[in-house]
Amino acid sequence: MSTATHLFQFHCLPPISSFTTGTVPVCNTSAGGRTQTPSSLIACATKRKQDDDYHATLKALNSKGRFPRKSLGQHYMLNSEINEQLASAANVEEGDAVLEIGPGTGSLTNVLINSGATVLAIEKDPHMVGLVRERFESTDRFKVLEEDFVKCHIRSHMFPILESRKALNPSSTRAKVVSNLPFNISTDVVKLLLPMGDMFSEVVLLLQEETAVRLVESSSRTSEYRPINIFVNFYSEPEYKFSVPRTNFFPQPNVDAAVVTFKLKQAPDYPSVASTKSFFSMVNSAFNGKRKMLRKSLQHICPSNEIERALGDAGLPTTSRPEELTLDDFVKLHNLIVRV
């Protein structure tokens, strides 16, 4: 049995929506539908004009005898228009340096390079590393590293690229991040990237929609309000851009996705706290006892009566709970009760 036949018979595509250039046929054996043969799938896909679509993605995967790995959170984009919108959201232009995490088959990479950017890609899957290395071997504006992003030293990899760009354009000192992230590492990536405003000007990510909404739109006095919301707004200006239906991916995930932009702040623009370490330690402690009043959950920092006095000085009720405080409120409270 050929690799292509194996892929289609045992890893069939879920229903896929019609894009502007044609309709992709469905393989749906689990629901009792008729299984399409590879030849009929390919024939119907010939009307599609995108460089990276259903047919191109499956062809690329088959060339390496691969199918998406759930353990790596791999969901490949089938709609090139979404990739164009990702690059546009980051305003990628000639001369930009861009970090891409998890390039997969290189569909987004292709758009970034065609926009004039120099791309550094970090990919954990060695088979995909080989695929994109071959695909872009003719350009000197692409480099891929086989590493786990959450464990790699990204500063040491980006520094030479930024230095070379600075020699050509002294005012160009920061790069951009544009990625269709594996859903299973999205929060870890956000935590790593947002404090790097000295190196990156903005971060544009395609995330699971629930995660996108939680990071950007959760506000105080809601059940979804968490320390990560304080973190995101401390280091960036986040914005929810647009939703991406799950039917645009292979394999189709169980949830929709969304694109979020984070305009990164630089250190002088961070809220004024004596120590970011002690600030986030206090915030995390506050939310560890989310149902408790702050005068109780923060007793390990200073006595309850001092916390009550500080809350009053900050213009807050002495019975305040963590979900009732904004970022500015936490900053005021920290500066009143924490002695660094």
C-alpha atoms as a PDB file:
ATOM      1  CA  MET A   1       0.000   0.000   0.000  1.00  0.00           C
ATOM      2  CA  SER A   2       1.422   3.399  -0.953  1.00  0.00           C
ATOM      3  CA  THR A   3       2.084   6.067   1.650  1.00  0.00           C
ATOM      4  CA  ALA A   4      -0.579   8.279   0.094  1.00  0.00           C
ATOM      5  CA  THR A   5      -3.208   5.525   0.203  1.00  0.00           C
ATOM      6  CA  HIS A   6      -2.262   4.698   3.779  1.00  0.00           C
ATOM      7  CA  LEU A   7      -2.645   8.332   4.781  1.00  0.00           C
ATOM      8  CA  PHE A   8      -6.039   8.752   3.176  1.00  0.00           C
ATOM      9  CA  GLN A   9      -7.516   5.485   4.384  1.00  0.00           C
ATOM     10  CA  PHE A  10      -6.438   5.677   7.987  1.00  0.00           C
ATOM     11  CA  HIS A  11      -6.143   9.425   8.558  1.00  0.00           C
ATOM     12  CA  CYS A  12      -9.074  10.756   6.553  1.00  0.00           C
ATOM     13  CA  LEU A  13      -9.796  14.436   6.376  1.00  0.00           C
ATOM     14  CA  PRO A  14     -12.759  15.794   8.312  1.00  0.00           C
ATOM     15  CA  PRO A  15     -15.287  17.974   6.503  1.00  0.00           C
ATOM     16  CA  ILE A  16     -13.565  21.000   5.014  1.00  0.00           C
ATOM     17  CA  SER A  17     -15.321  24.217   4.082  1.00  0.00           C
ATOM     18  CA  SER A  18     -15.358  25.608   0.549  1.00  0.00           C
ATOM     19  CA  PHE A  19     -12.656  28.179  -0.036  1.00  0.00           C
ATOM     20  CA  THR A  20     -12.808  30.845  -2.711  1.00  0.00           C
ATOM     21  CA  THR A  21     -11.042  28.715  -5.294  1.00  0.00           C
ATOM     22  CA  GLY A  22     -12.971  25.490  -5.025  1.00  0.00           C
ATOM     23  CA  THR A  23     -14.506  22.793  -2.870  1.00  0.00           C
ATOM     24  CA  VAL A  24     -12.448  20.104  -1.204  1.00  0.00           C
ATOM     25  CA  PRO A  25     -14.057  16.647  -1.238  1.00  0.00           C
ATOM     26  CA  VAL A  26     -14.627  14.894   2.053  1.00  0.00           C
ATOM     27  CA  CYS A  27     -13.228  11.646   3.419  1.00  0.00           C
ATOM     28  CA  ASN A  28     -15.467  10.558   6.274  1.00  0.00           C
ATOM     29  CA  THR A  29     -15.470   6.838   6.987  1.00  0.00           C
ATOM     30  CA  SER A  30     -16.150   7.298  10.691  1.00  0.00           C
ATOM     31  CA  ALA A  31     -19.528   8.860   9.971  1.00  0.00           C
ATOM     32  CA  GLY A  32     -20.508   6.208   7.435  1.00  0.00           C
ATOM     33  CA  GLY A  33     -19.724   8.415   4.439  1.00  0.00           C
ATOM     34  CA  ARG A  34     -18.197   7.240   1.185  1.00  0.00           C
ATOM     35  CA  THR A  35     -14.398   7.208   1.178  1.00  0.00           C
ATOM     36  CA  GLN A  36     -12.924   9.207  -1.696  1.00  0.00           C
ATOM     37  CA  THR A  37     -10.017   7.698  -3.617  1.00  0.00           C
ATOM     38  CA  PRO A  38      -6.799   9.725  -3.755  1.00  0.00           C
ATOM     39  CA  SER A  39      -7.231  10.243  -7.498  1.00  0.00           C
ATOM     40  CA  SER A  40     -10.687  11.795  -7.114  1.00  0.00           C
ATOM     41  CA  LEU A  41      -9.458  13.997  -4.307  1.00  0.00           C
ATOM     42  CA  ILE A  42      -6.533  15.215  -6.357  1.00  0.00           C
ATOM     43  CA  ALA A  43      -8.674  15.797  -9.444  1.00  0.00           C
ATOM     44  CA  CYS A  44     -11.116  17.958  -7.531  1.00  0.00           C
ATOM     45  CA  ALA A  45      -8.284  19.908  -5.939  1.00  0.00           C
ATOM     46  CA  THR A  46      -6.728  20.960  -9.260  1.00  0.00           C
ATOM     47  CA  LYS A  47      -9.009  23.984  -9.450  1.00  0.00           C
ATOM     48  CA  ARG A  48      -7.327  25.435  -6.383  1.00  0.00           C
ATOM     49  CA  LYS A  49      -4.678  28.009  -7.174  1.00  0.00           C
ATOM     50  CA  GLN A  50      -3.053  28.572  -3.794  1.00  0.00           C
ATOM     51  CA  ASP A  51       0.540  27.465  -3.407  1.00  0.00           C
ATOM     52  CA  ASP A  52      -0.332  25.877  -0.077  1.00  0.00           C
ATOM     53  CA  ASP A  53      -3.731  24.248   0.125  1.00  0.00           C
ATOM     54  CA  TYR A  54      -5.248  20.840   0.812  1.00  0.00           C
ATOM     55  CA  HIS A  55      -3.525  19.123  -2.101  1.00  0.00           C
ATOM     56  CA  ALA A  56      -0.127  20.732  -1.532  1.00  0.00           C
ATOM     57  CA  THR A  57      -0.197  20.003   2.188  1.00  0.00           C
ATOM     58  CA  LEU A  58      -1.030  16.322   1.725  1.00  0.00           C
ATOM     59  CA  LYS A  59       1.566  16.009  -1.020  1.00  0.00           C
ATOM     60  CA  ALA A  60       4.211  17.529   1.254  1.00  0.00           C
ATOM     61  CA  LEU A  61       3.318  15.233   4.139  1.00  0.00           C
ATOM     62  CA  ASN A  62       3.256  12.172   1.886  1.00  0.00           C
ATOM     63  CA  SER A  63       6.706  13.058   0.552  1.00  0.00           C
ATOM     64  CA  LYS A  64       8.027  12.393   4.046  1.00  0.00           C
ATOM     65  CA  GLY A  65       5.674   9.509   4.805  1.00  0.00           C
ATOM     66  CA  ARG A  66       4.148  11.586   7.575  1.00  0.00           C
ATOM     67  CA  PHE A  67       0.774  12.270   9.104  1.00  0.00           C
ATOM     68  CA  PRO A  68       0.073  14.892  11.786  1.00  0.00           C
ATOM     69  CA  ARG A  69       1.174  13.919  15.280  1.00  0.00           C
ATOM     70  CA  LYS A  70      -1.280  14.609  18.069  1.00  0.00           C
ATOM     71  CA  SER A  71       1.534  14.591  20.625  1.00  0.00           C
ATOM     72  CA  LEU A  72       3.055  17.612  18.889  1.00  0.00           C
ATOM     73  CA  GLY A  73      -0.263  19.426  18.474  1.00  0.00           C
ATOM     74  CA  GLN A  74       0.160  19.445  14.685  1.00  0.00           C
ATOM     75  CA  HIS A  75      -2.723  20.949  12.694  1.00  0.00           C
ATOM     76  CA  TYR A  76      -1.753  22.170   9.236  1.00  0.00           C
ATOM     77  CA  MET A  77      -3.323  25.254   7.661  1.00  0.00           C
ATOM     78  CA  LEU A  78      -5.145  24.531   4.384  1.00  0.00           C
ATOM     79  CA  ASN A  79      -6.116  28.089   3.475  1.00  0.00           C
ATOM     80  CA  SER A  80      -3.373  30.360   2.144  1.00  0.00           C
ATOM     81  CA  GLU A  81      -5.591  33.388   2.619  1.00  0.00           C
ATOM     82  CA  ILE A  82      -5.358  32.902   6.397  1.00  0.00           C
ATOM     83  CA  ASN A  83      -1.566  32.888   6.147  1.00  0.00           C
ATOM     84  CA  GLU A  84      -1.717  36.125   4.160  1.00  0.00           C
ATOM     85  CA  GLN A  85      -3.883  37.651   6.880  1.00  0.00           C
ATOM     86  CA  LEU A  86      -1.434  36.512   9.577  1.00  0.00           C
ATOM     87  CA  ALA A  87       1.445  38.250   7.790  1.00  0.00           C
ATOM     88  CA  SER A  88      -0.711  41.314   7.217  1.00  0.00           C
ATOM     89  CA  ALA A  89      -1.668  41.497  10.904  1.00  0.00           C
ATOM     90  CA  ALA A  90       2.058  41.770  11.696  1.00  0.00           C
ATOM     91  CA  ASN A  91       2.597  44.230   8.841  1.00  0.00           C
ATOM     92  CA  VAL A  92       5.434  42.050   7.551  1.00  0.00           C
ATOM     93  CA  GLU A  93       7.398  43.903   4.897  1.00  0.00           C
ATOM     94  CA  GLU A  94      10.679  43.929   3.013  1.00  0.00           C
ATOM     95  CA  GLY A  95      13.675  43.668   5.327  1.00  0.00           C
ATOM     96  CA  ASP A  96      11.839  42.405   8.411  1.00  0.00           C
ATOM     97  CA  ALA A  97      13.265  39.620  10.546  1.00  0.00           C
ATOM     98  CA  VAL A  98      10.582  37.141  11.583  1.00  0.00           C
ATOM     99  CA  LEU A  99      10.614  34.266  14.039  1.00  0.00           C
ATOM    100  CA  GLU A 100       8.229  31.433  13.164  1.00  0.00           C
ATOM    101  CA  ILE A 101       7.502  28.638  15.639  1.00  0.00           C
ATOM    102  CA  GLY A 102       6.401  25.316  14.166  1.00  0.00           C
ATOM    103  CA  PRO A 103       6.568  25.988  10.398  1.00  0.00           C
ATOM    104  CA  GLY A 104       5.208  22.539   9.505  1.00  0.00           C
ATOM    105  CA  THR A 105       5.154  22.198   5.722  1.00  0.00           C
ATOM    106  CA  GLY A 106       6.175  25.845   5.260  1.00  0.00           C
ATOM    107  CA  SER A 107       2.879  27.332   4.096  1.00  0.00           C
ATOM    108  CA  LEU A 108       3.121  30.414   6.340  1.00  0.00           C
ATOM    109  CA  THR A 109       6.895  30.529   5.829  1.00  0.00           C
ATOM    110  CA  ASN A 110       6.311  30.875   2.101  1.00  0.00           C
ATOM    111  CA  VAL A 111       4.090  33.914   2.620  1.00  0.00           C
ATOM    112  CA  LEU A 112       6.599  35.537   4.990  1.00  0.00           C
ATOM    113  CA  ILE A 113       9.511  35.066   2.608  1.00  0.00           C
ATOM    114  CA  ASN A 114       7.457  36.334  -0.331  1.00  0.00           C
ATOM    115  CA  SER A 115       6.710  39.437   1.761  1.00  0.00           C
ATOM    116  CA  GLY A 116      10.439  40.161   1.880  1.00  0.00           C
ATOM    117  CA  ALA A 117      11.192  38.897   5.393  1.00  0.00           C
ATOM    118  CA  THR A 118      14.142  36.893   6.656  1.00  0.00           C
ATOM    119  CA  VAL A 119      12.697  33.961   8.589  1.00  0.00           C
ATOM    120  CA  LEU A 120      14.166  31.970  11.460  1.00  0.00           C
ATOM    121  CA  ALA A 121      11.994  28.890  12.023  1.00  0.00           C
ATOM    122  CA  ILE A 122      12.055  26.658  15.097  1.00  0.00           C
ATOM    123  CA  GLU A 123      10.681  23.162  14.472  1.00  0.00           C
ATOM    124  CA  LYS A 124      10.675  20.173  16.831  1.00  0.00           C
ATOM    125  CA  ASP A 125       9.700  17.505  14.271  1.00  0.00           C
ATOM    126  CA  PRO A 126      12.848  16.410  12.388  1.00  0.00           C
ATOM    127  CA  HIS A 127      10.819  15.296   9.350  1.00  0.00           C
ATOM    128  CA  MET A 128       9.299  18.764   8.982  1.00  0.00           C
ATOM    129  CA  VAL A 129      12.736  20.311   9.465  1.00  0.00           C
ATOM    130  CA  GLY A 130      13.959  18.326   6.472  1.00  0.00           C
ATOM    131  CA  LEU A 131      10.889  19.246   4.437  1.00  0.00           C
ATOM    132  CA  VAL A 132      11.137  23.035   4.893  1.00  0.00           C
ATOM    133  CA  ARG A 133      14.928  22.975   4.570  1.00  0.00           C
ATOM    134  CA  GLU A 134      14.525  21.372   1.146  1.00  0.00           C
ATOM    135  CA  ARG A 135      11.639  23.620   0.168  1.00  0.00           C
ATOM    136  CA  PHE A 136      13.505  26.870   0.836  1.00  0.00           C
ATOM    137  CA  GLU A 137      17.053  25.776   0.035  1.00  0.00           C
ATOM    138  CA  SER A 138      17.249  28.277  -2.834  1.00  0.00           C
ATOM    139  CA  THR A 139      16.865  31.340  -0.585  1.00  0.00           C
ATOM    140  CA  ASP A 140      19.375  32.821   1.841  1.00  0.00           C
ATOM    141  CA  ARG A 141      16.552  34.438   3.826  1.00  0.00           C
ATOM    142  CA  PHE A 142      15.518  31.274   5.635  1.00  0.00           C
ATOM    143  CA  LYS A 143      17.011  29.201   8.418  1.00  0.00           C
ATOM    144  CA  VAL A 144      15.382  26.355  10.342  1.00  0.00           C
ATOM    145  CA  LEU A 145      16.563  24.916  13.649  1.00  0.00           C
ATOM    146  CA  GLU A 146      15.518  21.525  14.979  1.00  0.00           C
ATOM    147  CA  GLU A 147      14.684  22.469  18.552  1.00  0.00           C
ATOM    148  CA  ASP A 148      11.870  22.510  21.079  1.00  0.00           C
ATOM    149  CA  PHE A 149      11.020  26.203  21.284  1.00  0.00           C
ATOM    150  CA  VAL A 150      10.089  26.166  24.963  1.00  0.00           C
ATOM    151  CA  LYS A 151      13.594  24.837  25.746  1.00  0.00           C
ATOM    152  CA  CYS A 152      15.751  26.696  23.241  1.00  0.00           C
ATOM    153  CA  HIS A 153      17.804  29.859  23.829  1.00  0.00           C
ATOM    154  CA  ILE A 154      16.013  32.046  21.340  1.00  0.00           C
ATOM    155  CA  ARG A 155      18.027  35.168  22.142  1.00  0.00           C
ATOM    156  CA  SER A 156      21.277  33.556  21.048  1.00  0.00           C
ATOM    157  CA  HIS A 157      19.645  32.475  17.768  1.00  0.00           C
ATOM    158  CA  MET A 158      18.017  35.829  17.001  1.00  0.00           C
ATOM    159  CA  PHE A 159      20.928  38.074  17.991  1.00  0.00           C
ATOM    160  CA  PRO A 160      23.098  37.469  14.877  1.00  0.00           C
ATOM    161  CA  ILE A 161      20.112  38.098  12.595  1.00  0.00           C
ATOM    162  CA  LEU A 162      19.263  41.366  14.335  1.00  0.00           C
ATOM    163  CA  GLU A 163      22.892  42.481  14.291  1.00  0.00           C
ATOM    164  CA  SER A 164      23.172  41.895  10.544  1.00  0.00           C
ATOM    165  CA  ARG A 165      19.970  43.858   9.938  1.00  0.00           C
ATOM    166  CA  LYS A 166      21.152  46.682  12.184  1.00  0.00           C
ATOM    167  CA  ALA A 167      24.276  47.038  10.025  1.00  0.00           C
ATOM    168  CA  LEU A 168      22.041  47.682   7.012  1.00  0.00           C
ATOM    169  CA  ASN A 169      19.436  49.765   8.832  1.00  0.00           C
ATOM    170  CA  PRO A 170      20.449  51.182  12.256  1.00  0.00           C
ATOM    171  CA  SER A 171      16.839  52.026  13.099  1.00  0.00           C
ATOM    172  CA  SER A 172      15.727  48.423  12.584  1.00  0.00           C
ATOM    173  CA  THR A 173      16.450  46.884  15.986  1.00  0.00           C
ATOM    174  CA  ARG A 174      13.594  44.481  16.696  1.00  0.00           C
ATOM    175  CA  ALA A 175      12.114  41.440  14.970  1.00  0.00           C
ATOM    176  CA  LYS A 176       8.557  40.107  14.760  1.00  0.00           C
ATOM    177  CA  VAL A 177       6.994  36.776  15.651  1.00  0.00           C
ATOM    178  CA  VAL A 178       4.374  35.299  13.314  1.00  0.00           C
ATOM    179  CA  SER A 179       3.237  31.729  13.967  1.00  0.00           C
ATOM    180  CA  ASN A 180       0.472  29.193  13.608  1.00  0.00           C
ATOM    181  CA  LEU A 181       1.225  27.627  16.981  1.00  0.00           C
ATOM    182  CA  PRO A 182       0.667  24.055  18.084  1.00  0.00           C
ATOM    183  CA  PHE A 183      -2.257  24.510  20.477  1.00  0.00           C
ATOM    184  CA  ASN A 184      -0.613  22.472  23.228  1.00  0.00           C
ATOM    185  CA  ILE A 185       2.260  24.925  23.781  1.00  0.00           C
ATOM    186  CA  SER A 186       0.512  28.257  23.184  1.00  0.00           C
ATOM    187  CA  THR A 187       0.413  29.505  26.785  1.00  0.00           C
ATOM    188  CA  ASP A 188       4.048  28.500  27.381  1.00  0.00           C
ATOM    189  CA  VAL A 189       5.096  30.370  24.229  1.00  0.00           C
ATOM    190  CA  VAL A 190       3.190  33.491  25.272  1.00  0.00           C
ATOM    191  CA  LYS A 191       4.895  33.470  28.666  1.00  0.00           C
ATOM    192  CA  LEU A 192       8.310  33.182  27.032  1.00  0.00           C
ATOM    193  CA  LEU A 193       7.840  35.782  24.295  1.00  0.00           C
ATOM    194  CA  LEU A 194       5.972  38.685  25.871  1.00  0.00           C
ATOM    195  CA  PRO A 195       8.785  39.790  28.227  1.00  0.00           C
ATOM    196  CA  MET A 196      11.119  40.044  25.200  1.00  0.00           C
ATOM    197  CA  GLY A 197      10.087  43.512  24.072  1.00  0.00           C
ATOM    198  CA  ASP A 198      13.734  44.449  23.647  1.00  0.00           C
ATOM    199  CA  MET A 199      14.023  41.882  20.852  1.00  0.00           C
ATOM    200  CA  PHE A 200      10.513  41.684  19.332  1.00  0.00           C
ATOM    201  CA  SER A 201       8.166  44.538  18.456  1.00  0.00           C
ATOM    202  CA  GLU A 202       5.076  42.404  18.050  1.00  0.00           C
ATOM    203  CA  VAL A 203       3.889  38.849  18.309  1.00  0.00           C
ATOM    204  CA  VAL A 204       1.119  37.572  16.030  1.00  0.00           C
ATOM    205  CA  LEU A 205      -0.185  34.122  16.873  1.00  0.00           C
ATOM    206  CA  LEU A 206      -2.880  31.790  15.623  1.00  0.00           C
ATOM    207  CA  LEU A 207      -4.243  30.182  18.798  1.00  0.00           C
ATOM    208  CA  GLN A 208      -7.118  28.025  19.935  1.00  0.00           C
ATOM    209  CA  GLU A 209     -10.038  30.461  20.071  1.00  0.00           C
ATOM    210  CA  GLU A 210     -10.842  29.750  23.707  1.00  0.00           C
ATOM    211  CA  THR A 211      -7.236  30.547  24.617  1.00  0.00           C
ATOM    212  CA  ALA A 212      -7.263  33.695  22.484  1.00  0.00           C
ATOM    213  CA  VAL A 213     -10.406  35.004  24.160  1.00  0.00           C
ATOM    214  CA  ARG A 214      -9.097  34.127  27.620  1.00  0.00           C
ATOM    215  CA  LEU A 215      -5.800  35.928  27.024  1.00  0.00           C
ATOM    216  CA  VAL A 216      -7.222  39.069  25.457  1.00  0.00           C
ATOM    217  CA  GLU A 217     -10.788  39.639  26.577  1.00  0.00           C
ATOM    218  CA  SER A 218     -10.971  38.285  30.126  1.00  0.00           C
ATOM    219  CA  SER A 219     -11.313  41.200  32.517  1.00  0.00           C
ATOM    220  CA  SER A 220     -11.668  41.705  36.234  1.00  0.00           C
ATOM    221  CA  ARG A 221     -14.837  40.470  37.910  1.00  0.00           C
ATOM    222  CA  THR A 222     -15.186  37.574  35.454  1.00  0.00           C
ATOM    223  CA  SER A 223     -14.696  33.869  36.158  1.00  0.00           C
ATOM    224  CA  GLU A 224     -11.995  33.625  33.447  1.00  0.00           C
ATOM    225  CA  TYR A 225      -9.791  36.313  34.996  1.00  0.00           C
ATOM    226  CA  ARG A 226      -6.401  34.798  35.872  1.00  0.00           C
ATOM    227  CA  PRO A 227      -2.780  35.808  36.569  1.00  0.00           C
ATOM    228  CA  ILE A 228      -2.047  35.300  32.861  1.00  0.00           C
ATOM    229  CA  ASN A 229      -4.293  38.301  32.104  1.00  0.00           C
ATOM    230  CA  ILE A 230      -2.206  40.463  34.419  1.00  0.00           C
ATOM    231  CA  PHE A 231       0.935  39.090  32.755  1.00  0.00           C
ATOM    232  CA  VAL A 232      -0.277  39.737  29.193  1.00  0.00           C
ATOM    233  CA  ASN A 233      -1.269  43.337  29.910  1.00  0.00           C
ATOM    234  CA  PHE A 234       1.880  44.027  31.934  1.00  0.00           C
ATOM    235  CA  TYR A 235       4.118  43.177  28.966  1.00  0.00           C
ATOM    236  CA  SER A 236       1.957  43.952  25.937  1.00  0.00           C
ATOM    237  CA  GLU A 237      -1.072  45.514  24.326  1.00  0.00           C
ATOM    238  CA  PRO A 238      -3.122  42.521  23.135  1.00  0.00           C
ATOM    239  CA  GLU A 239      -5.796  42.567  20.445  1.00  0.00           C
ATOM    240  CA  TYR A 240      -8.132  39.857  19.152  1.00  0.00           C
ATOM    241  CA  LYS A 241      -8.049  40.172  15.354  1.00  0.00           C
ATOM    242  CA  PHE A 242     -10.297  37.516  13.759  1.00  0.00           C
ATOM    243  CA  SER A 243     -11.563  33.974  14.160  1.00  0.00           C
ATOM    244  CA  VAL A 244     -10.456  31.015  12.016  1.00  0.00           C
ATOM    245  CA  PRO A 245     -12.957  28.132  11.652  1.00  0.00           C
ATOM    246  CA  ARG A 246     -11.630  24.679  12.467  1.00  0.00           C
ATOM    247  CA  THR A 247     -12.459  23.538   8.923  1.00  0.00           C
ATOM    248  CA  ASN A 248      -9.341  25.362   7.679  1.00  0.00           C
ATOM    249  CA  PHE A 249      -7.005  22.798   9.277  1.00  0.00           C
ATOM    250  CA  PHE A 250      -5.822  19.255   8.644  1.00  0.00           C
ATOM    251  CA  PRO A 251      -6.538  17.321  10.717  1.00  0.00           C
ATOM    252  CA  GLN A 252      -9.600  19.255  11.803  1.00  0.00           C
ATOM    253  CA  PRO A 253      -9.295  20.094  15.522  1.00  0.00           C
ATOM    254  CA  ASN A 254     -12.250  19.981  17.892  1.00  0.00           C
ATOM    255  CA  VAL A 255     -12.236  23.762  18.324  1.00  0.00           C
ATOM    256  CA  ASP A 256     -12.003  26.909  16.230  1.00  0.00           C
ATOM    257  CA  ALA A 257      -8.928  29.122  16.221  1.00  0.00           C
ATOM    258  CA  ALA A 258      -8.281  32.860  16.286  1.00  0.00           C
ATOM    259  CA  VAL A 259      -5.504  35.315  15.489  1.00  0.00           C
ATOM    260  CA  VAL A 260      -4.221  37.548  18.267  1.00  0.00           C
ATOM    261  CA  THR A 261      -1.642  40.340  18.111  1.00  0.00           C
ATOM    262  CA  PHE A 262       0.498  41.386  21.050  1.00  0.00           C
ATOM    263  CA  LYS A 263       2.251  44.731  20.669  1.00  0.00           C
ATOM    264  CA  LEU A 264       5.176  44.305  23.031  1.00  0.00           C
ATOM    265  CA  LYS A 265       6.132  47.003  25.494  1.00  0.00           C
ATOM    266  CA  GLN A 266       9.750  47.828  26.220  1.00  0.00           C
ATOM    267  CA  ALA A 267      11.081  48.009  29.772  1.00  0.00           C
ATOM    268  CA  PRO A 268      10.556  51.787  30.245  1.00  0.00           C
ATOM    269  CA  ASP A 269       6.876  51.279  29.427  1.00  0.00           C
ATOM    270  CA  TYR A 270       6.236  48.476  31.940  1.00  0.00           C
ATOM    271  CA  PRO A 271       4.143  49.343  34.993  1.00  0.00           C
ATOM    272  CA  SER A 272       6.437  50.733  37.666  1.00  0.00           C
ATOM    273  CA  VAL A 273       7.279  47.999  40.161  1.00  0.00           C
ATOM    274  CA  ALA A 274      10.530  47.565  42.064  1.00  0.00           C
ATOM    275  CA  SER A 275      10.746  43.898  41.072  1.00  0.00           C
ATOM    276  CA  THR A 276       8.767  42.040  38.418  1.00  0.00           C
ATOM    277  CA  LYS A 277       9.623  38.796  40.205  1.00  0.00           C
ATOM    278  CA  SER A 278       8.072  39.894  43.488  1.00  0.00           C
ATOM    279  CA  PHE A 279       5.128  41.478  41.651  1.00  0.00           C
ATOM    280  CA  PHE A 280       4.097  38.288  39.846  1.00  0.00           C
ATOM    281  CA  SER A 281       4.805  36.245  42.968  1.00  0.00           C
ATOM    282  CA  MET A 282       2.271  38.419  44.783  1.00  0.00           C
ATOM    283  CA  VAL A 283      -0.275  38.149  41.946  1.00  0.00           C
ATOM    284  CA  ASN A 284       0.050  34.356  41.844  1.00  0.00           C
ATOM    285  CA  SER A 285      -0.338  34.130  45.614  1.00  0.00           C
ATOM    286  CA  ALA A 286      -3.457  36.277  45.439  1.00  0.00           C
ATOM    287  CA  PHE A 287      -5.092  34.005  42.861  1.00  0.00           C
ATOM    288  CA  ASN A 288      -4.073  30.816  44.651  1.00  0.00           C
ATOM    289  CA  GLY A 289      -6.712  31.802  47.163  1.00  0.00           C
ATOM    290  CA  LYS A 290      -9.119  33.248  44.614  1.00  0.00           C
ATOM    291  CA  ARG A 291     -12.163  32.886  46.859  1.00  0.00           C
ATOM    292  CA  LYS A 292     -10.334  34.484  49.756  1.00  0.00           C
ATOM    293  CA  MET A 293     -10.038  38.174  50.511  1.00  0.00           C
ATOM    294  CA  LEU A 294      -6.576  39.566  49.821  1.00  0.00           C
ATOM    295  CA  ARG A 295      -6.065  40.442  53.491  1.00  0.00           C
ATOM    296  CA  LYS A 296      -6.029  36.670  54.103  1.00  0.00           C
ATOM    297  CA  SER A 297      -4.365  35.252  50.973  1.00  0.00           C
ATOM    298  CA  LEU A 298      -1.434  37.697  51.219  1.00  0.00           C
ATOM    299  CA  GLN A 299      -0.781  37.310  54.943  1.00  0.00           C
ATOM    300  CA  HIS A 300       2.572  35.655  54.205  1.00  0.00           C
ATOM    301  CA  ILE A 301       3.752  38.993  52.778  1.00  0.00           C
ATOM    302  CA  CYS A 302       2.647  41.241  55.615  1.00  0.00           C
ATOM    303  CA  PRO A 303       0.039  41.318  58.417  1.00  0.00           C
ATOM    304  CA  SER A 304      -3.664  41.569  57.541  1.00  0.00           C
ATOM    305  CA  ASN A 305      -4.046  45.022  59.058  1.00  0.00           C
ATOM    306  CA  GLU A 306      -1.253  46.377  56.835  1.00  0.00           C
ATOM    307  CA  ILE A 307      -2.900  44.841  53.761  1.00  0.00           C
ATOM    308  CA  GLU A 308      -6.216  46.452  54.725  1.00  0.00           C
ATOM    309  CA  ARG A 309      -4.475  49.801  55.149  1.00  0.00           C
ATOM    310  CA  ALA A 310      -2.746  49.436  51.771  1.00  0.00           C
ATOM    311  CA  LEU A 311      -6.016  48.529  50.046  1.00  0.00           C
ATOM    312  CA  GLY A 312      -7.592  51.652  51.513  1.00  0.00           C
ATOM    313  CA  ASP A 313      -4.661  53.805  50.408  1.00  0.00           C
ATOM    314  CA  ALA A 314      -5.064  52.357  46.899  1.00  0.00           C
ATOM    315  CA  GLY A 315      -8.736  53.311  46.897  1.00  0.00           C
ATOM    316  CA  LEU A 316      -9.945  49.718  47.155  1.00  0.00           C
ATOM    317  CA  PRO A 317     -12.330  48.037  49.606  1.00  0.00           C
ATOM    318  CA  THR A 318     -10.581  46.262  52.475  1.00  0.00           C
ATOM    319  CA  THR A 319     -12.606  43.152  51.585  1.00  0.00           C
ATOM    320  CA  SER A 320     -11.230  42.999  48.004  1.00  0.00           C
ATOM    321  CA  ARG A 321     -10.660  39.661  46.297  1.00  0.00           C
ATOM    322  CA  PRO A 322      -8.121  39.131  43.482  1.00  0.00           C
ATOM    323  CA  GLU A 323     -10.644  38.983  40.636  1.00  0.00           C
ATOM    324  CA  GLU A 324     -11.764  42.513  41.560  1.00  0.00           C
ATOM    325  CA  LEU A 325      -8.374  44.145  40.937  1.00  0.00           C
ATOM    326  CA  THR A 326      -7.085  45.497  37.629  1.00  0.00           C
ATOM    327  CA  LEU A 327      -3.418  45.498  36.619  1.00  0.00           C
ATOM    328  CA  ASP A 328      -3.046  49.054  37.949  1.00  0.00           C
ATOM    329  CA  ASP A 329      -4.659  48.027  41.228  1.00  0.00           C
ATOM    330  CA  PHE A 330      -2.208  45.164  41.681  1.00  0.00           C
ATOM    331  CA  VAL A 331       0.703  47.506  40.911  1.00  0.00           C
ATOM    332  CA  LYS A 332      -0.461  49.985  43.573  1.00  0.00           C
ATOM    333  CA  LEU A 333      -0.990  47.230  46.128  1.00  0.00           C
ATOM    334  CA  HIS A 334       2.406  45.668  45.419  1.00  0.00           C
ATOM    335  CA  ASN A 335       4.224  48.959  45.840  1.00  0.00           C
ATOM    336  CA  LEU A 336       2.494  49.543  49.167  1.00  0.00           C
ATOM    337  CA  ILE A 337       3.002  46.143  50.814  1.00  0.00           C
ATOM    338  CA  VAL A 338       6.048  44.499  49.220  1.00  0.00           C
ATOM    339  CA  ARG A 339       9.459  45.552  50.453  1.00  0.00           C
ATOM    340  CA  VAL A 340      12.123  44.475  47.965  1.00  0.00           C
END
